[in-house]
Amino acid sequence: MGVDFNNTQTIWMQLVDWVFEQILTAAWKPGDKAKSVRELAVMFEVNPNTVMRSYDYLQNKEIILNKRGIGFFVTDDAVEKIKSLRKKQFMEEEVPAFIKNLKLLDIDVQEIVDMVKNN
């Protein structure tokens, strides 16, 4: 399927990232019904409680909402919320490591700027 589970992150969080990707690539659009907990559990061969933990997180972050008796739906502003969450994570976790590597490897910032401009 779409997730190759790894040992560096919990399975439920990897499922959250998979849902993020579905929404960011417009496979799941605002207002769309999300797959049920049972469907995802079968699809990824995981315990339904694991999927439910992912969905609880997504509900707390207001990415999806539960319409009781009907299912889970993508919120209207899910894309913006995901981008905000991912940007915060990127700035707090990946950028400091990137800057550290620039310094350790004596890479000039202009070299990176040029690389970004050319891609």
C-alpha atoms as a PDB file:
ATOM      1  CA  MET A   1       0.000   0.000   0.000  1.00  0.00           C
ATOM      2  CA  GLY A   2       1.195   3.575   0.552  1.00  0.00           C
ATOM      3  CA  VAL A   3       3.100   3.176   3.817  1.00  0.00           C
ATOM      4  CA  ASP A   4       6.328   1.291   4.316  1.00  0.00           C
ATOM      5  CA  PHE A   5       6.408   1.213   8.082  1.00  0.00           C
ATOM      6  CA  ASN A   6       9.767   2.072   9.569  1.00  0.00           C
ATOM      7  CA  ASN A   7      11.287   1.820  13.018  1.00  0.00           C
ATOM      8  CA  THR A   8      11.992   5.524  13.439  1.00  0.00           C
ATOM      9  CA  GLN A   9       8.399   6.604  14.048  1.00  0.00           C
ATOM     10  CA  THR A  10       5.334   5.039  15.660  1.00  0.00           C
ATOM     11  CA  ILE A  11       2.916   3.290  13.304  1.00  0.00           C
ATOM     12  CA  TRP A  12       0.016   5.527  14.324  1.00  0.00           C
ATOM     13  CA  MET A  13       2.072   8.622  13.463  1.00  0.00           C
ATOM     14  CA  GLN A  14       3.076   7.101  10.119  1.00  0.00           C
ATOM     15  CA  LEU A  15      -0.641   6.655   9.428  1.00  0.00           C
ATOM     16  CA  VAL A  16      -1.168  10.326  10.304  1.00  0.00           C
ATOM     17  CA  ASP A  17       1.512  11.239   7.757  1.00  0.00           C
ATOM     18  CA  TRP A  18      -0.206   9.017   5.180  1.00  0.00           C
ATOM     19  CA  VAL A  19      -3.509  10.844   5.761  1.00  0.00           C
ATOM     20  CA  PHE A  20      -1.659  14.177   5.497  1.00  0.00           C
ATOM     21  CA  GLU A  21      -0.315  13.067   2.126  1.00  0.00           C
ATOM     22  CA  GLN A  22      -3.784  12.023   0.935  1.00  0.00           C
ATOM     23  CA  ILE A  23      -5.093  15.473   1.775  1.00  0.00           C
ATOM     24  CA  LEU A  24      -2.107  17.455   0.443  1.00  0.00           C
ATOM     25  CA  THR A  25      -2.195  15.581  -2.879  1.00  0.00           C
ATOM     26  CA  ALA A  26      -5.974  16.133  -3.110  1.00  0.00           C
ATOM     27  CA  ALA A  27      -6.717  12.408  -3.078  1.00  0.00           C
ATOM     28  CA  TRP A  28      -8.939  13.375  -0.120  1.00  0.00           C
ATOM     29  CA  LYS A  29     -10.501  16.806  -0.586  1.00  0.00           C
ATOM     30  CA  PRO A  30     -12.130  19.073   2.011  1.00  0.00           C
ATOM     31  CA  GLY A  31     -15.558  17.684   2.788  1.00  0.00           C
ATOM     32  CA  ASP A  32     -14.698  14.179   1.547  1.00  0.00           C
ATOM     33  CA  LYS A  33     -15.494  11.187   3.705  1.00  0.00           C
ATOM     34  CA  ALA A  34     -12.293   9.616   5.010  1.00  0.00           C
ATOM     35  CA  LYS A  35     -11.797   5.879   5.006  1.00  0.00           C
ATOM     36  CA  SER A  36     -13.272   4.180   8.034  1.00  0.00           C
ATOM     37  CA  VAL A  37     -11.106   2.967  10.893  1.00  0.00           C
ATOM     38  CA  ARG A  38     -11.868  -0.609   9.889  1.00  0.00           C
ATOM     39  CA  GLU A  39     -10.999   0.018   6.219  1.00  0.00           C
ATOM     40  CA  LEU A  40      -7.607   1.503   7.096  1.00  0.00           C
ATOM     41  CA  ALA A  41      -6.876  -1.250   9.611  1.00  0.00           C
ATOM     42  CA  VAL A  42      -7.493  -3.887   6.949  1.00  0.00           C
ATOM     43  CA  MET A  43      -5.698  -1.894   4.265  1.00  0.00           C
ATOM     44  CA  PHE A  44      -2.513  -1.527   6.341  1.00  0.00           C
ATOM     45  CA  GLU A  45      -2.877  -4.738   8.343  1.00  0.00           C
ATOM     46  CA  VAL A  46      -2.782  -2.937  11.680  1.00  0.00           C
ATOM     47  CA  ASN A  47      -4.929  -3.033  14.781  1.00  0.00           C
ATOM     48  CA  PRO A  48      -8.034  -0.800  14.548  1.00  0.00           C
ATOM     49  CA  ASN A  49      -6.934   0.809  17.839  1.00  0.00           C
ATOM     50  CA  THR A  50      -3.802   2.025  16.061  1.00  0.00           C
ATOM     51  CA  VAL A  51      -5.905   3.664  13.344  1.00  0.00           C
ATOM     52  CA  MET A  52      -8.213   5.124  15.985  1.00  0.00           C
ATOM     53  CA  ARG A  53      -5.222   6.683  17.742  1.00  0.00           C
ATOM     54  CA  SER A  54      -4.269   8.325  14.430  1.00  0.00           C
ATOM     55  CA  TYR A  55      -7.810   9.557  13.892  1.00  0.00           C
ATOM     56  CA  ASP A  56      -7.972  10.909  17.460  1.00  0.00           C
ATOM     57  CA  TYR A  57      -4.823  12.921  16.767  1.00  0.00           C
ATOM     58  CA  LEU A  58      -6.235  14.180  13.451  1.00  0.00           C
ATOM     59  CA  GLN A  59      -9.467  15.197  15.167  1.00  0.00           C
ATOM     60  CA  ASN A  60      -7.566  17.051  17.903  1.00  0.00           C
ATOM     61  CA  LYS A  61      -5.647  18.947  15.212  1.00  0.00           C
ATOM     62  CA  GLU A  62      -8.969  19.643  13.407  1.00  0.00           C
ATOM     63  CA  ILE A  63      -7.834  17.900  10.216  1.00  0.00           C
ATOM     64  CA  ILE A  64     -10.815  15.542  10.241  1.00  0.00           C
ATOM     65  CA  LEU A  65     -14.099  15.575  12.098  1.00  0.00           C
ATOM     66  CA  ASN A  66     -16.395  12.800  13.182  1.00  0.00           C
ATOM     67  CA  LYS A  67     -20.033  13.005  12.183  1.00  0.00           C
ATOM     68  CA  ARG A  68     -21.499  10.565  14.635  1.00  0.00           C
ATOM     69  CA  GLY A  69     -22.972   7.538  12.937  1.00  0.00           C
ATOM     70  CA  ILE A  70     -21.785   8.660   9.495  1.00  0.00           C
ATOM     71  CA  GLY A  71     -17.995   8.648   9.664  1.00  0.00           C
ATOM     72  CA  PHE A  72     -14.953  10.890   9.491  1.00  0.00           C
ATOM     73  CA  PHE A  73     -14.705  13.820   7.088  1.00  0.00           C
ATOM     74  CA  VAL A  74     -11.871  16.093   5.951  1.00  0.00           C
ATOM     75  CA  THR A  75     -12.311  19.609   7.366  1.00  0.00           C
ATOM     76  CA  ASP A  76     -12.564  22.627   5.072  1.00  0.00           C
ATOM     77  CA  ASP A  77      -9.236  24.064   6.245  1.00  0.00           C
ATOM     78  CA  ALA A  78      -7.350  20.768   6.550  1.00  0.00           C
ATOM     79  CA  VAL A  79      -4.734  21.688   3.932  1.00  0.00           C
ATOM     80  CA  GLU A  80      -3.810  24.921   5.701  1.00  0.00           C
ATOM     81  CA  LYS A  81      -3.668  23.194   9.093  1.00  0.00           C
ATOM     82  CA  ILE A  82      -1.453  20.399   7.771  1.00  0.00           C
ATOM     83  CA  LYS A  83       0.914  22.863   6.112  1.00  0.00           C
ATOM     84  CA  SER A  84       1.110  24.852   9.339  1.00  0.00           C
ATOM     85  CA  LEU A  85       1.867  21.726  11.398  1.00  0.00           C
ATOM     86  CA  ARG A  86       4.445  20.476   8.917  1.00  0.00           C
ATOM     87  CA  LYS A  87       6.100  23.895   8.602  1.00  0.00           C
ATOM     88  CA  LYS A  88       6.421  24.157  12.393  1.00  0.00           C
ATOM     89  CA  GLN A  89       7.916  20.658  12.563  1.00  0.00           C
ATOM     90  CA  PHE A  90      10.280  21.398   9.666  1.00  0.00           C
ATOM     91  CA  MET A  91      11.492  24.649  11.224  1.00  0.00           C
ATOM     92  CA  GLU A  92      11.981  23.102  14.676  1.00  0.00           C
ATOM     93  CA  GLU A  93      13.512  19.769  13.679  1.00  0.00           C
ATOM     94  CA  GLU A  94      14.958  19.737  10.186  1.00  0.00           C
ATOM     95  CA  VAL A  95      16.260  23.275   9.692  1.00  0.00           C
ATOM     96  CA  PRO A  96      18.539  23.227  12.773  1.00  0.00           C
ATOM     97  CA  ALA A  97      20.054  19.911  11.601  1.00  0.00           C
ATOM     98  CA  PHE A  98      20.467  21.351   8.089  1.00  0.00           C
ATOM     99  CA  ILE A  99      22.213  24.465   9.431  1.00  0.00           C
ATOM    100  CA  LYS A 100      24.466  22.325  11.609  1.00  0.00           C
ATOM    101  CA  ASN A 101      25.497  20.298   8.533  1.00  0.00           C
ATOM    102  CA  LEU A 102      26.148  23.473   6.534  1.00  0.00           C
ATOM    103  CA  LYS A 103      28.570  24.601   9.225  1.00  0.00           C
ATOM    104  CA  LEU A 104      30.212  21.201   9.715  1.00  0.00           C
ATOM    105  CA  LEU A 105      30.748  20.735   5.989  1.00  0.00           C
ATOM    106  CA  ASP A 106      31.743  24.363   5.299  1.00  0.00           C
ATOM    107  CA  ILE A 107      28.988  24.768   2.730  1.00  0.00           C
ATOM    108  CA  ASP A 108      28.375  28.354   1.702  1.00  0.00           C
ATOM    109  CA  VAL A 109      24.752  29.486   1.964  1.00  0.00           C
ATOM    110  CA  GLN A 110      24.999  30.995  -1.531  1.00  0.00           C
ATOM    111  CA  GLU A 111      25.712  27.522  -2.870  1.00  0.00           C
ATOM    112  CA  ILE A 112      22.374  26.375  -1.454  1.00  0.00           C
ATOM    113  CA  VAL A 113      20.564  29.470  -2.748  1.00  0.00           C
ATOM    114  CA  ASP A 114      21.928  28.826  -6.242  1.00  0.00           C
ATOM    115  CA  MET A 115      20.881  25.191  -6.034  1.00  0.00           C
ATOM    116  CA  VAL A 116      17.321  26.172  -5.027  1.00  0.00           C
ATOM    117  CA  LYS A 117      17.103  28.733  -7.840  1.00  0.00           C
ATOM    118  CA  ASN A 118      18.197  26.159 -10.424  1.00  0.00           C
ATOM    119  CA  ASN A 119      15.628  23.545  -9.384  1.00  0.00           C
END
